[in-house]
PDB file of N, CA and C in Angstrom:
ATOM      1  N   MET A   1      16.012  23.554  61.450  1.00  0.00           N
ATOM      2  CA  MET A   1      15.620  24.580  60.807  1.00  0.00           C
ATOM      3  C   MET A   1      13.968  24.140  60.388  1.00  0.00           C
ATOM      4  N   ALA A   2      13.103  24.630  60.657  1.00  0.00           N
ATOM      5  CA  ALA A   2      11.870  24.176  60.298  1.00  0.00           C
ATOM      6  C   ALA A   2      11.627  23.781  59.163  1.00  0.00           C
ATOM      7  N   LYS A   3      10.480  23.133  58.625  1.00  0.00           N
ATOM      8  CA  LYS A   3      10.224  22.747  57.276  1.00  0.00           C
ATOM      9  C   LYS A   3       9.290  23.622  56.673  1.00  0.00           C
ATOM     10  N   GLN A   4       9.368  23.985  55.383  1.00  0.00           N
ATOM     11  CA  GLN A   4       8.431  24.963  54.571  1.00  0.00           C
ATOM     12  C   GLN A   4       7.545  23.866  53.990  1.00  0.00           C
ATOM     13  N   GLN A   5       6.118  24.480  53.776  1.00  0.00           N
ATOM     14  CA  GLN A   5       5.027  23.556  52.937  1.00  0.00           C
ATOM     15  C   GLN A   5       4.804  24.212  51.881  1.00  0.00           C
ATOM     16  N   PHE A   6       4.574  23.113  50.765  1.00  0.00           N
ATOM     17  CA  PHE A   6       4.233  24.146  49.529  1.00  0.00           C
ATOM     18  C   PHE A   6       3.209  23.336  48.953  1.00  0.00           C
ATOM     19  N   PHE A   7       2.268  24.028  48.189  1.00  0.00           N
ATOM     20  CA  PHE A   7       1.099  23.408  47.462  1.00  0.00           C
ATOM     21  C   PHE A   7       1.296  23.600  45.993  1.00  0.00           C
ATOM     22  N   LEU A   8       1.549  22.460  45.141  1.00  0.00           N
ATOM     23  CA  LEU A   8       1.954  22.260  43.806  1.00  0.00           C
ATOM     24  C   LEU A   8       0.959  22.035  43.086  1.00  0.00           C
ATOM     25  N   LYS A   9       0.475  22.313  41.642  1.00  0.00           N
ATOM     26  CA  LYS A   9      -0.560  22.288  40.817  1.00  0.00           C
ATOM     27  C   LYS A   9       0.552  21.884  39.751  1.00  0.00           C
ATOM     28  N   LEU A  10       0.038  20.755  38.979  1.00  0.00           N
ATOM     29  CA  LEU A  10       0.538  20.135  37.957  1.00  0.00           C
ATOM     30  C   LEU A  10      -0.407  20.366  36.582  1.00  0.00           C
ATOM     31  N   ASN A  11      -0.211  21.383  35.953  1.00  0.00           N
ATOM     32  CA  ASN A  11      -1.045  21.626  34.681  1.00  0.00           C
ATOM     33  C   ASN A  11      -0.602  20.724  33.494  1.00  0.00           C
ATOM     34  N   PRO A  12      -1.599  20.002  32.820  1.00  0.00           N
ATOM     35  CA  PRO A  12      -1.325  19.332  32.087  1.00  0.00           C
ATOM     36  C   PRO A  12      -1.287  19.502  30.879  1.00  0.00           C
ATOM     37  N   PRO A  13      -0.826  19.403  29.456  1.00  0.00           N
ATOM     38  CA  PRO A  13      -0.723  19.846  28.219  1.00  0.00           C
ATOM     39  C   PRO A  13      -1.833  19.967  27.401  1.00  0.00           C
ATOM     40  N   ARG A  14      -2.881  19.600  27.918  1.00  0.00           N
ATOM     41  CA  ARG A  14      -4.428  19.983  27.270  1.00  0.00           C
ATOM     42  C   ARG A  14      -5.381  19.375  27.919  1.00  0.00           C
ATOM     43  N   PRO A  15      -6.591  20.176  28.152  1.00  0.00           N
ATOM     44  CA  PRO A  15      -7.553  19.982  29.131  1.00  0.00           C
ATOM     45  C   PRO A  15      -7.933  18.311  29.107  1.00  0.00           C
ATOM     46  N   THR A  16      -8.096  17.719  27.995  1.00  0.00           N
ATOM     47  CA  THR A  16      -8.365  16.393  28.001  1.00  0.00           C
ATOM     48  C   THR A  16      -7.139  15.398  28.153  1.00  0.00           C
ATOM     49  N   PHE A  17      -6.184  15.700  29.028  1.00  0.00           N
ATOM     50  CA  PHE A  17      -5.185  15.062  29.086  1.00  0.00           C
ATOM     51  C   PHE A  17      -5.277  13.728  29.711  1.00  0.00           C
ATOM     52  N   MET A  18      -6.012  13.874  30.880  1.00  0.00           N
ATOM     53  CA  MET A  18      -6.227  12.589  31.880  1.00  0.00           C
ATOM     54  C   MET A  18      -7.256  11.621  31.180  1.00  0.00           C
ATOM     55  N   ILE A  19      -7.719  11.928  30.126  1.00  0.00           N
ATOM     56  CA  ILE A  19      -8.625  10.828  29.161  1.00  0.00           C
ATOM     57  C   ILE A  19      -8.307  10.543  28.162  1.00  0.00           C
ATOM     58  N   ASP A  20      -7.065  11.386  27.200  1.00  0.00           N
ATOM     59  CA  ASP A  20      -6.719  10.862  25.990  1.00  0.00           C
ATOM     60  C   ASP A  20      -5.285  10.791  25.764  1.00  0.00           C
ATOM     61  N   MET A  21      -4.536  10.442  26.991  1.00  0.00           N
ATOM     62  CA  MET A  21      -2.831  10.554  27.222  1.00  0.00           C
ATOM     63  C   MET A  21      -2.547   9.457  26.041  1.00  0.00           C
ATOM     64  N   THR A  22      -1.499   9.557  25.366  1.00  0.00           N
ATOM     65  CA  THR A  22      -0.706   8.655  24.495  1.00  0.00           C
ATOM     66  C   THR A  22      -0.028   7.679  25.110  1.00  0.00           C
ATOM     67  N   THR A  23       0.171   6.530  24.748  1.00  0.00           N
ATOM     68  CA  THR A  23       0.885   5.546  25.117  1.00  0.00           C
ATOM     69  C   THR A  23       2.270   6.055  25.728  1.00  0.00           C
ATOM     70  N   GLU A  24       3.164   7.118  25.318  1.00  0.00           N
ATOM     71  CA  GLU A  24       4.301   7.667  25.858  1.00  0.00           C
ATOM     72  C   GLU A  24       3.799   8.509  26.804  1.00  0.00           C
ATOM     73  N   GLU A  25       3.091   9.273  26.963  1.00  0.00           N
ATOM     74  CA  GLU A  25       2.256  10.051  27.982  1.00  0.00           C
ATOM     75  C   GLU A  25       2.017   9.446  29.347  1.00  0.00           C
ATOM     76  N   LYS A  26       1.397   7.976  28.997  1.00  0.00           N
ATOM     77  CA  LYS A  26       0.976   7.285  29.896  1.00  0.00           C
ATOM     78  C   LYS A  26       2.179   6.512  30.750  1.00  0.00           C
ATOM     79  N   ALA A  27       3.309   6.376  30.014  1.00  0.00           N
ATOM     80  CA  ALA A  27       4.445   5.820  30.672  1.00  0.00           C
ATOM     81  C   ALA A  27       5.100   6.735  31.379  1.00  0.00           C
ATOM     82  N   VAL A  28       5.345   7.885  30.728  1.00  0.00           N
ATOM     83  CA  VAL A  28       5.937   9.554  31.719  1.00  0.00           C
ATOM     84  C   VAL A  28       4.874   9.309  32.904  1.00  0.00           C
ATOM     85  N   MET A  29       3.537   9.444  32.833  1.00  0.00           N
ATOM     86  CA  MET A  29       2.857   9.790  34.242  1.00  0.00           C
ATOM     87  C   MET A  29       2.981   8.220  35.176  1.00  0.00           C
ATOM     88  N   GLN A  30       3.362   7.443  34.708  1.00  0.00           N
ATOM     89  CA  GLN A  30       3.443   6.347  35.355  1.00  0.00           C
ATOM     90  C   GLN A  30       4.817   6.491  36.121  1.00  0.00           C
ATOM     91  N   ASN A  31       5.761   6.969  35.432  1.00  0.00           N
ATOM     92  CA  ASN A  31       6.866   7.271  36.191  1.00  0.00           C
ATOM     93  C   ASN A  31       6.742   8.419  37.348  1.00  0.00           C
ATOM     94  N   HIS A  32       5.973   9.323  36.929  1.00  0.00           N
ATOM     95  CA  HIS A  32       5.710  10.255  37.680  1.00  0.00           C
ATOM     96  C   HIS A  32       4.900  10.068  39.227  1.00  0.00           C
ATOM     97  N   VAL A  33       4.149   9.041  39.211  1.00  0.00           N
ATOM     98  CA  VAL A  33       3.387   8.567  40.176  1.00  0.00           C
ATOM     99  C   VAL A  33       4.646   7.618  40.981  1.00  0.00           C
ATOM    100  N   ALA A  34       5.298   6.750  40.057  1.00  0.00           N
ATOM    101  CA  ALA A  34       6.278   6.337  41.301  1.00  0.00           C
ATOM    102  C   ALA A  34       7.312   7.259  42.078  1.00  0.00           C
ATOM    103  N   TYR A  35       7.454   8.319  41.380  1.00  0.00           N
ATOM    104  CA  TYR A  35       8.576   9.157  41.723  1.00  0.00           C
ATOM    105  C   TYR A  35       7.778  10.082  42.798  1.00  0.00           C
ATOM    106  N   TRP A  36       6.493  10.487  42.528  1.00  0.00           N
ATOM    107  CA  TRP A  36       5.721  10.804  44.108  1.00  0.00           C
ATOM    108  C   TRP A  36       5.544   9.937  45.080  1.00  0.00           C
ATOM    109  N   THR A  37       5.244   8.797  44.624  1.00  0.00           N
ATOM    110  CA  THR A  37       5.171   7.664  45.928  1.00  0.00           C
ATOM    111  C   THR A  37       6.405   7.468  46.878  1.00  0.00           C
ATOM    112  N   SER A  38       7.490   7.683  46.268  1.00  0.00           N
ATOM    113  CA  SER A  38       8.824   7.638  46.992  1.00  0.00           C
ATOM    114  C   SER A  38       8.998   8.932  47.917  1.00  0.00           C
ATOM    115  N   LEU A  39       8.751   9.999  47.177  1.00  0.00           N
ATOM    116  CA  LEU A  39       8.429  11.382  47.981  1.00  0.00           C
ATOM    117  C   LEU A  39       7.403  11.270  49.358  1.00  0.00           C
ATOM    118  N   LEU A  40       6.482  10.401  48.914  1.00  0.00           N
ATOM    119  CA  LEU A  40       5.444   9.975  49.989  1.00  0.00           C
ATOM    120  C   LEU A  40       6.164   9.224  51.019  1.00  0.00           C
ATOM    121  N   ASP A  41       6.559   8.040  50.604  1.00  0.00           N
ATOM    122  CA  ASP A  41       7.446   7.056  51.550  1.00  0.00           C
ATOM    123  C   ASP A  41       8.472   7.627  52.500  1.00  0.00           C
ATOM    124  N   ASP A  42       9.109   8.732  51.490  1.00  0.00           N
ATOM    125  CA  ASP A  42      10.158   9.274  52.781  1.00  0.00           C
ATOM    126  C   ASP A  42       9.988  10.479  53.543  1.00  0.00           C
ATOM    127  N   GLY A  43       8.541  10.742  53.477  1.00  0.00           N
ATOM    128  CA  GLY A  43       8.131  11.926  54.048  1.00  0.00           C
ATOM    129  C   GLY A  43       7.843  13.496  53.480  1.00  0.00           C
ATOM    130  N   THR A  44       8.332  13.246  52.571  1.00  0.00           N
ATOM    131  CA  THR A  44       8.473  14.723  51.663  1.00  0.00           C
ATOM    132  C   THR A  44       7.323  15.284  51.404  1.00  0.00           C
ATOM    133  N   ALA A  45       6.579  14.187  50.688  1.00  0.00           N
ATOM    134  CA  ALA A  45       5.267  14.746  50.046  1.00  0.00           C
ATOM    135  C   ALA A  45       4.391  14.165  51.270  1.00  0.00           C
ATOM    136  N   ILE A  46       3.331  14.929  51.604  1.00  0.00           N
ATOM    137  CA  ILE A  46       2.326  14.757  52.643  1.00  0.00           C
ATOM    138  C   ILE A  46       0.788  14.345  51.775  1.00  0.00           C
ATOM    139  N   VAL A  47       0.810  14.874  50.600  1.00  0.00           N
ATOM    140  CA  VAL A  47      -0.248  14.163  49.804  1.00  0.00           C
ATOM    141  C   VAL A  47      -0.275  14.605  48.307  1.00  0.00           C
ATOM    142  N   PHE A  48      -0.741  13.796  47.369  1.00  0.00           N
ATOM    143  CA  PHE A  48      -0.657  14.168  46.138  1.00  0.00           C
ATOM    144  C   PHE A  48      -1.924  13.147  45.180  1.00  0.00           C
ATOM    145  N   GLY A  49      -2.099  13.784  44.063  1.00  0.00           N
ATOM    146  CA  GLY A  49      -2.949  12.880  43.101  1.00  0.00           C
ATOM    147  C   GLY A  49      -3.760  13.831  42.101  1.00  0.00           C
ATOM    148  N   PRO A  50      -4.790  12.916  41.316  1.00  0.00           N
ATOM    149  CA  PRO A  50      -5.170  13.811  40.294  1.00  0.00           C
ATOM    150  C   PRO A  50      -6.515  14.514  40.855  1.00  0.00           C
ATOM    151  N   VAL A  51      -6.932  15.594  40.392  1.00  0.00           N
ATOM    152  CA  VAL A  51      -8.028  16.466  40.548  1.00  0.00           C
ATOM    153  C   VAL A  51      -8.887  16.230  39.235  1.00  0.00           C
ATOM    154  N   SER A  52     -10.306  15.809  39.329  1.00  0.00           N
ATOM    155  CA  SER A  52     -11.229  15.356  38.214  1.00  0.00           C
ATOM    156  C   SER A  52     -11.845  16.946  37.880  1.00  0.00           C
ATOM    157  N   ASP A  53     -11.465  17.692  37.704  1.00  0.00           N
ATOM    158  CA  ASP A  53     -12.067  18.884  37.349  1.00  0.00           C
ATOM    159  C   ASP A  53     -12.872  19.129  35.952  1.00  0.00           C
ATOM    160  N   PRO A  54     -14.222  19.260  35.960  1.00  0.00           N
ATOM    161  CA  PRO A  54     -15.002  19.356  34.499  1.00  0.00           C
ATOM    162  C   PRO A  54     -14.343  19.965  33.542  1.00  0.00           C
ATOM    163  N   ASN A  55     -13.570  21.064  34.001  1.00  0.00           N
ATOM    164  CA  ASN A  55     -12.997  22.132  32.811  1.00  0.00           C
ATOM    165  C   ASN A  55     -11.775  21.347  32.705  1.00  0.00           C
ATOM    166  N   GLY A  56     -11.144  20.513  33.253  1.00  0.00           N
ATOM    167  CA  GLY A  56      -9.742  19.860  32.863  1.00  0.00           C
ATOM    168  C   GLY A  56      -9.229  19.382  33.896  1.00  0.00           C
ATOM    169  N   GLY A  57      -8.795  18.262  34.127  1.00  0.00           N
ATOM    170  CA  GLY A  57      -7.963  17.545  35.161  1.00  0.00           C
ATOM    171  C   GLY A  57      -6.639  18.308  35.428  1.00  0.00           C
ATOM    172  N   TYR A  58      -6.127  18.094  36.590  1.00  0.00           N
ATOM    173  CA  TYR A  58      -4.670  18.292  37.035  1.00  0.00           C
ATOM    174  C   TYR A  58      -4.224  17.652  38.180  1.00  0.00           C
ATOM    175  N   GLY A  59      -2.969  17.784  38.427  1.00  0.00           N
ATOM    176  CA  GLY A  59      -2.473  17.075  39.568  1.00  0.00           C
ATOM    177  C   GLY A  59      -2.325  18.111  40.724  1.00  0.00           C
ATOM    178  N   VAL A  60      -2.174  17.758  41.969  1.00  0.00           N
ATOM    179  CA  VAL A  60      -2.061  18.519  43.207  1.00  0.00           C
ATOM    180  C   VAL A  60      -1.110  17.828  43.670  1.00  0.00           C
ATOM    181  N   GLY A  61      -0.193  18.513  44.662  1.00  0.00           N
ATOM    182  CA  GLY A  61       0.809  17.856  45.807  1.00  0.00           C
ATOM    183  C   GLY A  61       0.856  18.913  46.991  1.00  0.00           C
ATOM    184  N   VAL A  62       1.401  18.540  48.109  1.00  0.00           N
ATOM    185  CA  VAL A  62       1.844  19.132  49.204  1.00  0.00           C
ATOM    186  C   VAL A  62       3.095  18.448  49.624  1.00  0.00           C
ATOM    187  N   VAL A  63       4.014  19.356  49.678  1.00  0.00           N
ATOM    188  CA  VAL A  63       5.359  18.921  50.306  1.00  0.00           C
ATOM    189  C   VAL A  63       5.683  19.703  51.382  1.00  0.00           C
ATOM    190  N   SER A  64       6.613  19.075  52.178  1.00  0.00           N
ATOM    191  CA  SER A  64       7.557  19.697  53.528  1.00  0.00           C
ATOM    192  C   SER A  64       8.687  19.402  53.056  1.00  0.00           C
ATOM    193  N   VAL A  65       9.373  20.873  52.715  1.00  0.00           N
ATOM    194  CA  VAL A  65      11.068  20.763  52.401  1.00  0.00           C
ATOM    195  C   VAL A  65      11.478  21.656  53.227  1.00  0.00           C
ATOM    196  N   ASP A  66      12.991  21.624  53.205  1.00  0.00           N
ATOM    197  CA  ASP A  66      13.774  22.504  53.633  1.00  0.00           C
ATOM    198  C   ASP A  66      13.841  23.982  53.541  1.00  0.00           C
ATOM    199  N   ASN A  67      13.231  24.243  52.120  1.00  0.00           N
ATOM    200  CA  ASN A  67      13.538  25.458  51.554  1.00  0.00           C
ATOM    201  C   ASN A  67      12.958  25.449  50.031  1.00  0.00           C
ATOM    202  N   GLU A  68      12.820  26.549  49.321  1.00  0.00           N
ATOM    203  CA  GLU A  68      12.631  26.433  47.876  1.00  0.00           C
ATOM    204  C   GLU A  68      13.478  25.905  46.982  1.00  0.00           C
ATOM    205  N   GLU A  69      14.487  26.084  47.292  1.00  0.00           N
ATOM    206  CA  GLU A  69      15.701  25.471  46.399  1.00  0.00           C
ATOM    207  C   GLU A  69      15.350  23.925  46.250  1.00  0.00           C
ATOM    208  N   HIS A  70      15.044  23.377  47.300  1.00  0.00           N
ATOM    209  CA  HIS A  70      14.768  21.703  47.494  1.00  0.00           C
ATOM    210  C   HIS A  70      13.510  21.453  46.852  1.00  0.00           C
ATOM    211  N   LEU A  71      12.496  22.514  46.773  1.00  0.00           N
ATOM    212  CA  LEU A  71      11.164  22.196  46.209  1.00  0.00           C
ATOM    213  C   LEU A  71      11.690  22.165  44.554  1.00  0.00           C
ATOM    214  N   LYS A  72      12.291  23.057  44.219  1.00  0.00           N
ATOM    215  CA  LYS A  72      12.772  23.193  42.717  1.00  0.00           C
ATOM    216  C   LYS A  72      13.543  22.092  42.102  1.00  0.00           C
ATOM    217  N   LYS A  73      14.424  21.621  43.137  1.00  0.00           N
ATOM    218  CA  LYS A  73      14.926  20.263  42.707  1.00  0.00           C
ATOM    219  C   LYS A  73      13.986  19.006  42.689  1.00  0.00           C
ATOM    220  N   ILE A  74      12.769  18.993  43.366  1.00  0.00           N
ATOM    221  CA  ILE A  74      11.765  18.089  43.416  1.00  0.00           C
ATOM    222  C   ILE A  74      11.164  17.970  41.869  1.00  0.00           C
ATOM    223  N   ILE A  75      10.855  19.409  41.490  1.00  0.00           N
ATOM    224  CA  ILE A  75      10.071  19.690  40.300  1.00  0.00           C
ATOM    225  C   ILE A  75      11.182  19.301  39.118  1.00  0.00           C
ATOM    226  N   GLU A  76      12.294  19.661  39.218  1.00  0.00           N
ATOM    227  CA  GLU A  76      13.386  19.218  38.250  1.00  0.00           C
ATOM    228  C   GLU A  76      13.517  18.324  38.047  1.00  0.00           C
ATOM    229  N   ASN A  77      13.446  17.223  39.064  1.00  0.00           N
ATOM    230  CA  ASN A  77      13.573  15.632  38.632  1.00  0.00           C
ATOM    231  C   ASN A  77      12.710  14.814  38.505  1.00  0.00           C
ATOM    232  N   ASP A  78      11.201  15.570  38.420  1.00  0.00           N
ATOM    233  CA  ASP A  78       9.959  14.634  38.175  1.00  0.00           C
ATOM    234  C   ASP A  78       9.873  14.582  36.652  1.00  0.00           C
ATOM    235  N   PRO A  79       9.597  13.144  36.229  1.00  0.00           N
ATOM    236  CA  PRO A  79       9.481  12.688  35.036  1.00  0.00           C
ATOM    237  C   PRO A  79       8.709  13.450  34.088  1.00  0.00           C
ATOM    238  N   ALA A  80       7.517  14.064  34.932  1.00  0.00           N
ATOM    239  CA  ALA A  80       6.289  14.916  34.373  1.00  0.00           C
ATOM    240  C   ALA A  80       6.390  16.105  34.030  1.00  0.00           C
ATOM    241  N   ASN A  81       7.684  16.689  34.782  1.00  0.00           N
ATOM    242  CA  ASN A  81       8.209  18.188  34.443  1.00  0.00           C
ATOM    243  C   ASN A  81       8.607  18.225  33.120  1.00  0.00           C
ATOM    244  N   GLY A  82       8.156  19.317  32.100  1.00  0.00           N
ATOM    245  CA  GLY A  82       8.280  19.438  30.883  1.00  0.00           C
ATOM    246  C   GLY A  82       7.262  18.977  30.144  1.00  0.00           C
ATOM    247  N   LEU A  83       6.497  17.972  30.133  1.00  0.00           N
ATOM    248  CA  LEU A  83       5.294  17.673  29.810  1.00  0.00           C
ATOM    249  C   LEU A  83       4.276  18.175  30.088  1.00  0.00           C
ATOM    250  N   ASN A  84       4.239  18.319  31.245  1.00  0.00           N
ATOM    251  CA  ASN A  84       3.319  19.012  31.984  1.00  0.00           C
ATOM    252  C   ASN A  84       4.170  20.364  32.790  1.00  0.00           C
ATOM    253  N   LYS A  85       3.381  21.488  33.099  1.00  0.00           N
ATOM    254  CA  LYS A  85       3.988  22.308  33.799  1.00  0.00           C
ATOM    255  C   LYS A  85       3.357  22.474  35.160  1.00  0.00           C
ATOM    256  N   TYR A  86       4.336  22.955  36.266  1.00  0.00           N
ATOM    257  CA  TYR A  86       4.120  22.794  37.595  1.00  0.00           C
ATOM    258  C   TYR A  86       3.841  24.804  37.846  1.00  0.00           C
ATOM    259  N   GLU A  87       3.174  24.757  38.769  1.00  0.00           N
ATOM    260  CA  GLU A  87       2.949  26.212  39.893  1.00  0.00           C
ATOM    261  C   GLU A  87       3.118  25.851  41.139  1.00  0.00           C
ATOM    262  N   PHE A  88       3.739  26.695  41.964  1.00  0.00           N
ATOM    263  CA  PHE A  88       3.802  26.410  43.195  1.00  0.00           C
ATOM    264  C   PHE A  88       3.520  27.264  44.086  1.00  0.00           C
ATOM    265  N   TYR A  89       2.979  27.226  45.242  1.00  0.00           N
ATOM    266  CA  TYR A  89       2.638  28.344  46.104  1.00  0.00           C
ATOM    267  C   TYR A  89       2.962  28.038  47.609  1.00  0.00           C
ATOM    268  N   THR A  90       3.589  28.791  48.156  1.00  0.00           N
ATOM    269  CA  THR A  90       4.191  28.797  49.861  1.00  0.00           C
ATOM    270  C   THR A  90       2.387  28.366  50.467  1.00  0.00           C
ATOM    271  N   MET A  91       2.625  27.614  51.594  1.00  0.00           N
ATOM    272  CA  MET A  91       1.527  27.219  52.197  1.00  0.00           C
ATOM    273  C   MET A  91       1.908  26.947  53.894  1.00  0.00           C
ATOM    274  N   ARG A  92       0.855  27.448  54.495  1.00  0.00           N
ATOM    275  CA  ARG A  92       1.115  27.351  55.918  1.00  0.00           C
ATOM    276  C   ARG A  92       0.136  26.196  56.489  1.00  0.00           C
ATOM    277  N   ALA A  93       0.783  24.886  56.288  1.00  0.00           N
ATOM    278  CA  ALA A  93       0.006  23.744  56.464  1.00  0.00           C
ATOM    279  C   ALA A  93      -0.200  23.193  57.969  1.00  0.00           C
ATOM    280  N   ILE A  94      -1.405  22.907  58.198  1.00  0.00           N
ATOM    281  CA  ILE A  94      -1.504  22.179  59.627  1.00  0.00           C
ATOM    282  C   ILE A  94      -1.689  20.905  59.453  1.00  0.00           C
ATOM    283  N   PHE A  95      -0.964  19.851  60.055  1.00  0.00           N
ATOM    284  CA  PHE A  95      -0.854  18.547  59.868  1.00  0.00           C
ATOM    285  C   PHE A  95      -0.262  17.583  61.056  1.00  0.00           C
ATOM    286  N   LYS A  96      -0.527  16.586  60.700  1.00  0.00           N
ATOM    287  CA  LYS A  96      -0.242  15.575  62.185  1.00  0.00           C
ATOM    288  C   LYS A  96       1.259  15.136  61.683  1.00  0.00           C
TER     289      LYS A  96
END
């Protein structure tokens, strides 16, 4: 079965989150980065990282998964889910 690609946007709890995280929030986000690094290492994630938007930063990622249910499990297991809110969209990605 062909993989599906999804674009994910991780919306922080406030526009200033990237510059004023609490100690607890920093710990959650460090675990989030470790989680996404493991997805990158196993080939599930194609790319991920923070976006420095002048109106407020956010995170993005692109994943290649079997189906939307697989994507939802990735989101559910992300340590940052709940602190932040995910949006996701199907994507017809072209990549090597």
